[in-house]
């Protein structure tokens, strides 16, 4: 009997955008749940086994959000830098989980901290990807006033990713909040211009604009449904495709 071979990815290189909340168990007060982290690492390993080069941008909302800090009286610049540091904590945690299951991984940060990670260098990041390593980008863009969505769009362009995979808790882009409005409809396909004109809040406008200008499609999908990452990589219609 022939050995089972994993499905082949239709993409050569992708950027996976994860929110910090994927590190938490639902209903848990722990910022990083070890079991959730281990399951996350296994899903990424499975995707990497399909022969695709994977870069990851992860948020820090499970630890600290700059916007919430600003609302509580912390200076916006300071709060945003605190949020960037939270993303580095998550990046290191994910690296540890991946390397425990024998996935070669590198963390690069937009804010230099040489004792724990490499500084972001575009050519070095691409070289890591070409060698089959998973590359995790921490520290956002390194600048306040930009979200990790913007960082994901920026890095996707810099490394030449063919698609930006936006992993969320919902199964795509909706015309309205599906929790508040039961009549909200899910889009299977939508253009960047329509997403911007309707102010759809899946990603911020800066991220949408950057991907639109450079023709990088975004696929928004439910990360928590087992097998969805693999489906996206094989080209199976999942979630919502945002493109030109």
Protein backbone atom coordinates (compact mmCIF):
# COMPACT_ATOMS: atom_id res chain seq x y z
CA UNK A 1 0.00 0.00 0.00
CA UNK A 2 1.38 3.42 -0.97
CA UNK A 3 2.22 5.78 1.86
CA UNK A 4 -0.19 8.67 2.36
CA UNK A 5 1.20 11.92 1.02
CA UNK A 6 0.03 15.30 2.30
CA UNK A 7 -1.85 17.48 -0.15
CA UNK A 8 0.28 19.96 -2.07
CA UNK A 9 -0.12 23.68 -1.48
CA UNK A 10 -1.09 25.86 -4.45
CA UNK A 11 1.03 28.63 -2.94
CA UNK A 12 4.80 28.80 -2.68
CA UNK A 13 4.95 31.41 0.11
CA UNK A 14 2.24 32.74 2.43
CA UNK A 15 1.88 35.19 5.29
CA UNK A 16 -0.33 33.93 8.13
CA UNK A 17 -1.78 36.65 10.37
CA UNK A 18 -2.79 35.44 13.82
CA UNK A 19 -4.43 37.47 16.56
CA UNK A 20 -3.01 37.20 20.06
CA UNK A 21 -6.35 35.77 21.19
CA UNK A 22 -5.61 32.47 19.44
CA UNK A 23 -3.15 31.77 22.28
CA UNK A 24 -5.96 31.75 24.86
CA UNK A 25 -8.50 29.07 25.65
CA UNK A 26 -12.05 30.34 25.38
CA UNK A 27 -13.24 31.56 28.77
CA UNK A 28 -9.75 31.32 30.25
CA UNK A 29 -8.03 34.18 32.08
CA UNK A 30 -4.55 32.92 31.09
CA UNK A 31 -2.83 35.02 28.45
CA UNK A 32 -1.10 31.98 26.93
CA UNK A 33 -2.62 28.53 27.37
CA UNK A 34 -0.06 25.70 26.91
CA UNK A 35 -2.56 23.26 25.39
CA UNK A 36 -3.89 25.84 22.93
CA UNK A 37 -0.34 26.81 22.03
CA UNK A 38 0.62 23.18 21.38
CA UNK A 39 -2.43 22.66 19.16
CA UNK A 40 -1.61 25.86 17.26
CA UNK A 41 1.93 24.65 16.64
CA UNK A 42 0.66 21.31 15.32
CA UNK A 43 -1.59 23.06 12.80
CA UNK A 44 1.30 25.17 11.56
CA UNK A 45 3.50 22.07 11.30
CA UNK A 46 0.82 20.33 9.27
CA UNK A 47 0.62 23.31 6.89
CA UNK A 48 4.41 23.48 6.56
CA UNK A 49 4.36 19.79 5.63
CA UNK A 50 2.48 20.73 2.46
CA UNK A 51 5.63 22.27 1.02
CA UNK A 52 4.69 25.92 1.53
CA UNK A 53 6.97 28.61 2.97
CA UNK A 54 5.23 30.12 6.00
CA UNK A 55 5.80 33.50 7.60
CA UNK A 56 3.68 34.56 10.57
CA UNK A 57 2.69 37.89 12.10
CA UNK A 58 1.08 37.56 15.51
CA UNK A 59 -0.79 40.15 17.54
CA UNK A 60 -0.50 40.84 21.25
CA UNK A 61 -4.08 41.49 22.30
CA UNK A 62 -4.11 38.55 24.72
CA UNK A 63 -1.47 40.41 26.77
CA UNK A 64 -1.85 44.11 26.03
CA UNK A 65 -3.54 46.38 23.51
CA UNK A 66 -2.16 49.84 22.89
CA UNK A 67 -5.65 51.22 22.25
CA UNK A 68 -6.93 50.00 25.64
CA UNK A 69 -3.90 51.53 27.33
CA UNK A 70 -4.61 54.85 25.66
CA UNK A 71 -8.20 54.69 26.92
CA UNK A 72 -6.93 54.20 30.48
CA UNK A 73 -4.69 57.24 30.38
CA UNK A 74 -1.41 55.89 29.00
CA UNK A 75 0.16 57.96 26.22
CA UNK A 76 -0.75 56.52 22.80
CA UNK A 77 2.89 56.18 21.71
CA UNK A 78 3.86 54.40 24.94
CA UNK A 79 0.81 52.15 24.80
CA UNK A 80 1.53 51.13 21.22
CA UNK A 81 5.14 50.25 22.08
CA UNK A 82 3.87 48.16 25.01
CA UNK A 83 1.58 46.34 22.57
CA UNK A 84 4.52 45.69 20.23
CA UNK A 85 6.47 44.11 23.09
CA UNK A 86 3.46 41.88 23.81
CA UNK A 87 3.64 40.55 20.24
CA UNK A 88 7.28 39.59 20.82
CA UNK A 89 6.28 37.58 23.91
CA UNK A 90 3.74 35.70 21.78
CA UNK A 91 6.27 35.18 18.99
CA UNK A 92 8.77 33.62 21.39
CA UNK A 93 6.07 31.40 22.90
CA UNK A 94 5.04 30.18 19.45
CA UNK A 95 8.67 29.58 18.47
CA UNK A 96 9.17 27.46 21.57
CA UNK A 97 6.05 25.40 20.84
CA UNK A 98 7.09 24.83 17.20
CA UNK A 99 10.64 23.82 18.03
CA UNK A 100 9.36 21.31 20.60
CA UNK A 101 7.76 19.45 17.67
CA UNK A 102 10.86 19.74 15.48
CA UNK A 103 9.83 22.70 13.32
CA UNK A 104 12.84 24.89 12.55
CA UNK A 105 11.79 28.45 13.40
CA UNK A 106 13.20 31.97 13.50
CA UNK A 107 11.83 35.07 15.20
CA UNK A 108 12.58 38.49 13.75
CA UNK A 109 11.54 41.71 15.45
CA UNK A 110 10.94 45.22 14.19
CA UNK A 111 12.35 46.54 17.49
CA UNK A 112 15.88 45.30 18.06
CA UNK A 113 16.39 42.98 21.03
CA UNK A 114 19.38 40.91 19.98
CA UNK A 115 19.42 38.72 23.10
CA UNK A 116 16.09 37.08 22.19
CA UNK A 117 15.56 37.44 18.43
CA UNK A 118 17.02 38.58 15.13
CA UNK A 119 16.31 42.09 13.89
CA UNK A 120 14.05 42.15 10.84
CA UNK A 121 16.22 41.95 7.74
CA UNK A 122 14.25 41.26 4.58
CA UNK A 123 16.90 39.24 2.74
CA UNK A 124 17.63 37.13 5.82
CA UNK A 125 13.93 36.43 6.34
CA UNK A 126 13.57 35.27 2.72
CA UNK A 127 16.66 33.08 3.07
CA UNK A 128 15.16 31.42 6.17
CA UNK A 129 11.95 30.74 4.26
CA UNK A 130 13.86 29.27 1.33
CA UNK A 131 15.56 26.89 3.76
CA UNK A 132 12.17 25.66 4.99
CA UNK A 133 12.11 27.54 8.29
CA UNK A 134 8.96 29.12 9.69
CA UNK A 135 9.62 32.82 10.26
CA UNK A 136 7.67 34.70 12.94
CA UNK A 137 7.66 38.49 12.78
CA UNK A 138 7.23 40.24 16.14
CA UNK A 139 7.11 43.88 17.15
CA UNK A 140 4.53 45.00 14.58
CA UNK A 141 5.98 47.57 12.18
CA UNK A 142 8.19 49.02 14.91
CA UNK A 143 6.18 52.24 14.83
CA UNK A 144 3.21 53.46 16.88
CA UNK A 145 -0.16 54.14 15.22
CA UNK A 146 0.09 51.01 13.05
CA UNK A 147 -1.74 47.78 13.84
CA UNK A 148 -0.41 44.26 13.45
CA UNK A 149 -2.76 43.98 10.44
CA UNK A 150 -0.68 46.72 8.82
CA UNK A 151 2.46 44.86 9.85
CA UNK A 152 1.12 41.69 8.22
CA UNK A 153 0.36 43.52 4.96
CA UNK A 154 3.78 45.19 5.01
CA UNK A 155 5.70 41.95 5.64
CA UNK A 156 3.62 40.07 3.05
CA UNK A 157 4.72 42.61 0.45
CA UNK A 158 8.34 42.63 1.60
CA UNK A 159 8.81 38.87 1.44
CA UNK A 160 6.81 38.40 -1.77
CA UNK A 161 3.97 36.35 -0.25
CA UNK A 162 1.36 35.18 -2.73
CA UNK A 163 -1.50 35.49 -0.26
CA UNK A 164 -2.20 36.93 3.19
CA UNK A 165 -4.15 34.45 5.32
CA UNK A 166 -6.08 36.27 8.04
CA UNK A 167 -7.02 33.73 10.73
CA UNK A 168 -9.95 34.85 12.91
CA UNK A 169 -12.72 33.57 15.15
CA UNK A 170 -15.37 34.02 12.44
CA UNK A 171 -15.76 32.22 9.14
CA UNK A 172 -15.26 35.19 6.85
CA UNK A 173 -16.22 38.79 6.16
CA UNK A 174 -19.78 39.81 6.96
CA UNK A 175 -21.88 42.80 5.92
CA UNK A 176 -22.40 43.52 9.65
CA UNK A 177 -21.53 42.01 13.02
CA UNK A 178 -23.11 38.52 12.80
CA UNK A 179 -23.38 38.32 16.60
CA UNK A 180 -25.40 41.54 16.85
CA UNK A 181 -27.22 41.25 13.55
CA UNK A 182 -28.58 37.79 12.64
CA UNK A 183 -29.41 39.09 9.14
CA UNK A 184 -25.76 39.88 8.37
CA UNK A 185 -24.61 38.04 5.26
CA UNK A 186 -21.24 36.49 4.66
CA UNK A 187 -19.34 37.40 1.54
CA UNK A 188 -17.61 34.60 -0.36
CA UNK A 189 -15.72 37.10 -2.50
CA UNK A 190 -15.34 40.84 -2.14
CA UNK A 191 -13.11 43.48 -3.71
CA UNK A 192 -10.73 45.67 -1.74
CA UNK A 193 -12.61 48.77 -2.87
CA UNK A 194 -15.91 47.37 -1.62
CA UNK A 195 -14.35 46.44 1.73
CA UNK A 196 -12.96 49.97 2.08
CA UNK A 197 -16.14 51.73 0.95
CA UNK A 198 -18.32 49.69 3.33
CA UNK A 199 -15.80 50.15 6.20
CA UNK A 200 -15.72 46.41 6.89
CA UNK A 201 -13.66 45.99 10.07
CA UNK A 202 -11.88 42.70 9.40
CA UNK A 203 -8.58 44.49 8.77
CA UNK A 204 -7.73 48.17 9.00
CA UNK A 205 -7.84 50.38 5.91
CA UNK A 206 -4.04 50.78 5.77
CA UNK A 207 -3.61 47.00 5.47
CA UNK A 208 -6.35 46.73 2.83
CA UNK A 209 -4.84 49.58 0.81
CA UNK A 210 -1.33 48.13 0.89
CA UNK A 211 -2.53 44.73 -0.34
CA UNK A 212 -4.78 46.32 -2.95
CA UNK A 213 -1.95 48.44 -4.41
CA UNK A 214 0.34 45.41 -4.71
CA UNK A 215 -2.32 42.86 -5.69
CA UNK A 216 -1.90 40.49 -2.72
CA UNK A 217 -5.21 38.71 -2.03
CA UNK A 218 -6.43 38.28 1.53
CA UNK A 219 -8.31 35.17 2.66
CA UNK A 220 -10.26 35.61 5.90
CA UNK A 221 -11.17 32.29 7.52
CA UNK A 222 -12.11 30.57 10.78
CA UNK A 223 -8.85 29.44 12.31
CA UNK A 224 -10.52 27.28 14.96
CA UNK A 225 -12.13 24.88 12.48
CA UNK A 226 -9.75 21.95 12.15
CA UNK A 227 -8.34 21.56 8.64
CA UNK A 228 -9.12 25.09 7.47
CA UNK A 229 -5.49 26.12 7.03
CA UNK A 230 -4.90 23.10 4.80
CA UNK A 231 -8.07 23.85 2.81
CA UNK A 232 -6.97 27.43 2.18
CA UNK A 233 -3.54 26.25 1.04
CA UNK A 234 -4.97 23.73 -1.43
CA UNK A 235 -7.22 26.40 -2.94
CA UNK A 236 -10.48 25.06 -1.54
CA UNK A 237 -12.97 27.93 -1.15
CA UNK A 238 -12.98 28.77 2.57
CA UNK A 239 -14.11 31.95 4.30
CA UNK A 240 -13.92 35.15 2.26
CA UNK A 241 -11.53 36.08 -0.54
CA UNK A 242 -10.69 39.79 -0.69
CA UNK A 243 -8.96 40.73 -3.95
CA UNK A 244 -8.87 43.15 -6.87
